[in-house]
Amino acid sequence: MSLKARIGNALKSETEKGKPGVRLATLRLIDCAVRDRDVCARGRGDGEGCPEADVRRVLETMVAQREVAAREHEDAGRLEEAIREREEIEIIQQFLPVPLQGKALESAVEEVVTDLGASRLKDLGRCMSALKERYPGMIESGAAGKAVRKALSRAS
């Protein structure tokens, strides 16, 4: 199921409950932001609307904005607002893919290194590009870079 469909289904389900709250308000904000991107994409001639990667970027941006706002609220002593921002972050993150970590990251890195035939540190960029392409939105650059370096040092 596409990310847009998951968001739409969650919004519909929450609306049918008829109980207003942080979750419903946040889902409405997400839906509005995605629809806005769809309108912009259609204006550029893309009849399908915005692609899945754009929806994911919108969600990542929303999380980043709320993290900044939560810190600002905490610094200003407005703890209730900070708590609400953190609740919204949790709701938005439910739609983002979980980053690869631990054994899953190591096996993905090994697969890429093997498939590309990479054996030197010089191949780091190619491996990172392939990882990001195969696992969109699931790769954290820092952890993946360390894992690729480790795999390449074993391969040489």
C-alpha atoms as a PDB file:
ATOM      1  CA  MET A   1       0.000   0.000   0.000  1.00  0.00           C
ATOM      2  CA  SER A   2       1.362   3.404  -0.935  1.00  0.00           C
ATOM      3  CA  LEU A   3       2.228   5.973   1.664  1.00  0.00           C
ATOM      4  CA  LYS A   4      -0.542   8.291   0.453  1.00  0.00           C
ATOM      5  CA  ALA A   5      -3.078   5.476   0.777  1.00  0.00           C
ATOM      6  CA  ARG A   6      -1.886   4.633   4.298  1.00  0.00           C
ATOM      7  CA  ILE A   7      -2.224   8.278   5.324  1.00  0.00           C
ATOM      8  CA  GLY A   8      -5.679   8.506   3.731  1.00  0.00           C
ATOM      9  CA  ASN A   9      -6.855   5.311   5.433  1.00  0.00           C
ATOM     10  CA  ALA A  10      -5.569   6.476   8.821  1.00  0.00           C
ATOM     11  CA  LEU A  11      -7.295   9.832   8.406  1.00  0.00           C
ATOM     12  CA  LYS A  12     -10.549   8.195   7.366  1.00  0.00           C
ATOM     13  CA  SER A  13     -10.412   5.783  10.281  1.00  0.00           C
ATOM     14  CA  GLU A  14      -9.665   8.537  12.785  1.00  0.00           C
ATOM     15  CA  THR A  15     -12.408  10.761  11.335  1.00  0.00           C
ATOM     16  CA  GLU A  16     -14.957   7.955  11.625  1.00  0.00           C
ATOM     17  CA  LYS A  17     -14.180   7.640  15.316  1.00  0.00           C
ATOM     18  CA  GLY A  18     -15.506  11.158  15.671  1.00  0.00           C
ATOM     19  CA  LYS A  19     -13.180  11.921  18.549  1.00  0.00           C
ATOM     20  CA  PRO A  20     -11.111  15.076  17.989  1.00  0.00           C
ATOM     21  CA  GLY A  21      -7.594  15.038  19.281  1.00  0.00           C
ATOM     22  CA  VAL A  22      -3.912  15.372  18.479  1.00  0.00           C
ATOM     23  CA  ARG A  23      -3.898  12.327  16.187  1.00  0.00           C
ATOM     24  CA  LEU A  24      -6.765  13.583  14.016  1.00  0.00           C
ATOM     25  CA  ALA A  25      -5.306  17.099  13.812  1.00  0.00           C
ATOM     26  CA  THR A  26      -1.880  15.762  12.882  1.00  0.00           C
ATOM     27  CA  LEU A  27      -3.292  13.430  10.235  1.00  0.00           C
ATOM     28  CA  ARG A  28      -5.169  16.367   8.736  1.00  0.00           C
ATOM     29  CA  LEU A  29      -1.945  18.395   8.621  1.00  0.00           C
ATOM     30  CA  ILE A  30      -0.120  15.516   6.935  1.00  0.00           C
ATOM     31  CA  ASP A  31      -2.918  15.052   4.408  1.00  0.00           C
ATOM     32  CA  CYS A  32      -2.978  18.770   3.644  1.00  0.00           C
ATOM     33  CA  ALA A  33       0.802  18.896   3.090  1.00  0.00           C
ATOM     34  CA  VAL A  34       0.701  15.857   0.784  1.00  0.00           C
ATOM     35  CA  ARG A  35      -2.240  17.247  -1.193  1.00  0.00           C
ATOM     36  CA  ASP A  36      -0.365  20.528  -1.569  1.00  0.00           C
ATOM     37  CA  ARG A  37       2.601  18.644  -3.045  1.00  0.00           C
ATOM     38  CA  ASP A  38       0.227  16.774  -5.358  1.00  0.00           C
ATOM     39  CA  VAL A  39      -1.218  20.051  -6.648  1.00  0.00           C
ATOM     40  CA  CYS A  40       2.282  21.416  -7.276  1.00  0.00           C
ATOM     41  CA  ALA A  41       3.289  18.227  -9.101  1.00  0.00           C
ATOM     42  CA  ARG A  42       0.186  18.330 -11.280  1.00  0.00           C
ATOM     43  CA  GLY A  43       0.923  21.975 -12.036  1.00  0.00           C
ATOM     44  CA  ARG A  44       4.313  20.880 -13.372  1.00  0.00           C
ATOM     45  CA  GLY A  45       2.570  18.349 -15.615  1.00  0.00           C
ATOM     46  CA  ASP A  46       2.928  15.208 -13.508  1.00  0.00           C
ATOM     47  CA  GLY A  47      -0.611  13.809 -13.686  1.00  0.00           C
ATOM     48  CA  GLU A  48       0.061  11.177 -11.037  1.00  0.00           C
ATOM     49  CA  GLY A  49       0.833  13.723  -8.360  1.00  0.00           C
ATOM     50  CA  CYS A  50       3.950  13.691  -6.242  1.00  0.00           C
ATOM     51  CA  PRO A  51       5.979  10.481  -6.067  1.00  0.00           C
ATOM     52  CA  GLU A  52       6.424   8.391  -2.924  1.00  0.00           C
ATOM     53  CA  ALA A  53       9.878   9.877  -2.281  1.00  0.00           C
ATOM     54  CA  ASP A  54       8.383  13.385  -2.131  1.00  0.00           C
ATOM     55  CA  VAL A  55       5.754  12.257   0.374  1.00  0.00           C
ATOM     56  CA  ARG A  56       8.498  10.753   2.519  1.00  0.00           C
ATOM     57  CA  ARG A  57      10.489  14.010   2.336  1.00  0.00           C
ATOM     58  CA  VAL A  58       7.393  15.977   3.377  1.00  0.00           C
ATOM     59  CA  LEU A  59       7.013  13.751   6.436  1.00  0.00           C
ATOM     60  CA  GLU A  60      10.716  14.027   7.283  1.00  0.00           C
ATOM     61  CA  THR A  61      10.472  17.817   7.019  1.00  0.00           C
ATOM     62  CA  MET A  62       7.421  17.851   9.282  1.00  0.00           C
ATOM     63  CA  VAL A  63       9.303  15.812  11.888  1.00  0.00           C
ATOM     64  CA  ALA A  64      12.302  18.148  11.718  1.00  0.00           C
ATOM     65  CA  GLN A  65      10.079  21.218  12.096  1.00  0.00           C
ATOM     66  CA  ARG A  66       8.388  19.765  15.139  1.00  0.00           C
ATOM     67  CA  GLU A  67      11.690  18.812  16.756  1.00  0.00           C
ATOM     68  CA  VAL A  68      12.856  22.414  16.453  1.00  0.00           C
ATOM     69  CA  ALA A  69       9.534  23.710  17.768  1.00  0.00           C
ATOM     70  CA  ALA A  70       9.602  21.293  20.711  1.00  0.00           C
ATOM     71  CA  ARG A  71      13.098  22.465  21.700  1.00  0.00           C
ATOM     72  CA  GLU A  72      12.025  26.101  21.431  1.00  0.00           C
ATOM     73  CA  HIS A  73       8.945  25.456  23.575  1.00  0.00           C
ATOM     74  CA  GLU A  74      11.055  23.671  26.193  1.00  0.00           C
ATOM     75  CA  ASP A  75      13.576  26.512  26.261  1.00  0.00           C
ATOM     76  CA  ALA A  76      10.742  28.997  26.748  1.00  0.00           C
ATOM     77  CA  GLY A  77       9.216  26.910  29.554  1.00  0.00           C
ATOM     78  CA  ARG A  78       6.069  25.971  27.607  1.00  0.00           C
ATOM     79  CA  LEU A  79       6.143  22.273  28.388  1.00  0.00           C
ATOM     80  CA  GLU A  80       2.570  21.507  27.287  1.00  0.00           C
ATOM     81  CA  GLU A  81       3.310  22.762  23.775  1.00  0.00           C
ATOM     82  CA  ALA A  82       6.566  20.787  23.700  1.00  0.00           C
ATOM     83  CA  ILE A  83       4.715  17.617  24.708  1.00  0.00           C
ATOM     84  CA  ARG A  84       2.163  18.166  21.940  1.00  0.00           C
ATOM     85  CA  GLU A  85       4.944  18.639  19.362  1.00  0.00           C
ATOM     86  CA  ARG A  86       6.530  15.355  20.490  1.00  0.00           C
ATOM     87  CA  GLU A  87       3.153  13.591  20.210  1.00  0.00           C
ATOM     88  CA  GLU A  88       2.850  14.879  16.655  1.00  0.00           C
ATOM     89  CA  ILE A  89       6.363  13.621  15.882  1.00  0.00           C
ATOM     90  CA  GLU A  90       5.379  10.119  17.052  1.00  0.00           C
ATOM     91  CA  ILE A  91       2.278  10.157  14.861  1.00  0.00           C
ATOM     92  CA  ILE A  92       4.187  11.333  11.775  1.00  0.00           C
ATOM     93  CA  GLN A  93       6.966   8.789  12.315  1.00  0.00           C
ATOM     94  CA  GLN A  94       4.436   5.965  12.117  1.00  0.00           C
ATOM     95  CA  PHE A  95       4.340   6.581   8.356  1.00  0.00           C
ATOM     96  CA  LEU A  96       8.102   6.759   7.822  1.00  0.00           C
ATOM     97  CA  PRO A  97      10.142   3.642   7.126  1.00  0.00           C
ATOM     98  CA  VAL A  98      12.213   2.351  10.024  1.00  0.00           C
ATOM     99  CA  PRO A  99      15.945   2.927   9.378  1.00  0.00           C
ATOM    100  CA  LEU A 100      18.051  -0.191   8.925  1.00  0.00           C
ATOM    101  CA  GLN A 101      20.163  -0.975  11.982  1.00  0.00           C
ATOM    102  CA  GLY A 102      22.282  -3.768  13.355  1.00  0.00           C
ATOM    103  CA  LYS A 103      22.203  -7.089  11.517  1.00  0.00           C
ATOM    104  CA  ALA A 104      19.756  -5.831   8.881  1.00  0.00           C
ATOM    105  CA  LEU A 105      22.108  -2.979   7.964  1.00  0.00           C
ATOM    106  CA  GLU A 106      25.134  -5.276   7.934  1.00  0.00           C
ATOM    107  CA  SER A 107      23.448  -7.805   5.643  1.00  0.00           C
ATOM    108  CA  ALA A 108      22.275  -5.019   3.284  1.00  0.00           C
ATOM    109  CA  VAL A 109      25.815  -3.629   3.163  1.00  0.00           C
ATOM    110  CA  GLU A 110      27.322  -7.083   2.532  1.00  0.00           C
ATOM    111  CA  GLU A 111      24.822  -7.658  -0.280  1.00  0.00           C
ATOM    112  CA  VAL A 112      25.677  -4.344  -1.942  1.00  0.00           C
ATOM    113  CA  VAL A 113      29.434  -4.812  -1.550  1.00  0.00           C
ATOM    114  CA  THR A 114      29.188  -8.308  -3.052  1.00  0.00           C
ATOM    115  CA  ASP A 115      26.885  -7.244  -5.906  1.00  0.00           C
ATOM    116  CA  LEU A 116      29.146  -4.328  -6.864  1.00  0.00           C
ATOM    117  CA  GLY A 117      32.341  -6.322  -6.416  1.00  0.00           C
ATOM    118  CA  ALA A 118      33.645  -3.524  -4.194  1.00  0.00           C
ATOM    119  CA  SER A 119      36.914  -4.203  -2.433  1.00  0.00           C
ATOM    120  CA  ARG A 120      38.595  -0.853  -1.789  1.00  0.00           C
ATOM    121  CA  LEU A 121      37.775   2.239   0.203  1.00  0.00           C
ATOM    122  CA  LYS A 122      37.604   3.993  -3.152  1.00  0.00           C
ATOM    123  CA  ASP A 123      34.289   2.130  -3.752  1.00  0.00           C
ATOM    124  CA  LEU A 124      32.626   3.718  -0.698  1.00  0.00           C
ATOM    125  CA  GLY A 125      30.649   6.272  -2.725  1.00  0.00           C
ATOM    126  CA  ARG A 126      29.310   3.657  -5.146  1.00  0.00           C
ATOM    127  CA  CYS A 127      28.249   1.424  -2.264  1.00  0.00           C
ATOM    128  CA  MET A 128      26.500   4.259  -0.421  1.00  0.00           C
ATOM    129  CA  SER A 129      24.656   5.309  -3.594  1.00  0.00           C
ATOM    130  CA  ALA A 130      23.517   1.742  -4.193  1.00  0.00           C
ATOM    131  CA  LEU A 131      22.347   1.387  -0.581  1.00  0.00           C
ATOM    132  CA  LYS A 132      20.321   4.591  -0.747  1.00  0.00           C
ATOM    133  CA  GLU A 133      18.804   3.501  -4.054  1.00  0.00           C
ATOM    134  CA  ARG A 134      17.869   0.003  -2.861  1.00  0.00           C
ATOM    135  CA  TYR A 135      16.603   1.093   0.547  1.00  0.00           C
ATOM    136  CA  PRO A 136      15.099   4.572   0.079  1.00  0.00           C
ATOM    137  CA  GLY A 137      14.494   6.429   3.310  1.00  0.00           C
ATOM    138  CA  MET A 138      15.885   3.558   5.360  1.00  0.00           C
ATOM    139  CA  ILE A 139      19.591   4.453   5.339  1.00  0.00           C
ATOM    140  CA  GLU A 140      21.198   6.718   7.912  1.00  0.00           C
ATOM    141  CA  SER A 141      24.405   7.973   6.327  1.00  0.00           C
ATOM    142  CA  GLY A 142      26.606   7.843   9.422  1.00  0.00           C
ATOM    143  CA  ALA A 143      25.831   4.277  10.453  1.00  0.00           C
ATOM    144  CA  ALA A 144      25.787   3.040   6.856  1.00  0.00           C
ATOM    145  CA  GLY A 145      29.135   4.701   6.111  1.00  0.00           C
ATOM    146  CA  LYS A 146      30.752   2.944   9.078  1.00  0.00           C
ATOM    147  CA  ALA A 147      29.243  -0.395   8.050  1.00  0.00           C
ATOM    148  CA  VAL A 148      30.441   0.001   4.446  1.00  0.00           C
ATOM    149  CA  ARG A 149      33.958   0.935   5.583  1.00  0.00           C
ATOM    150  CA  LYS A 150      34.021  -2.114   7.844  1.00  0.00           C
ATOM    151  CA  ALA A 151      32.828  -4.406   5.027  1.00  0.00           C
ATOM    152  CA  LEU A 152      35.318  -2.942   2.564  1.00  0.00           C
ATOM    153  CA  SER A 153      38.204  -3.387   5.001  1.00  0.00           C
ATOM    154  CA  ARG A 154      37.254  -7.076   5.319  1.00  0.00           C
ATOM    155  CA  ALA A 155      36.946  -7.440   1.550  1.00  0.00           C
ATOM    156  CA  SER A 156      40.447  -6.144   0.820  1.00  0.00           C
END
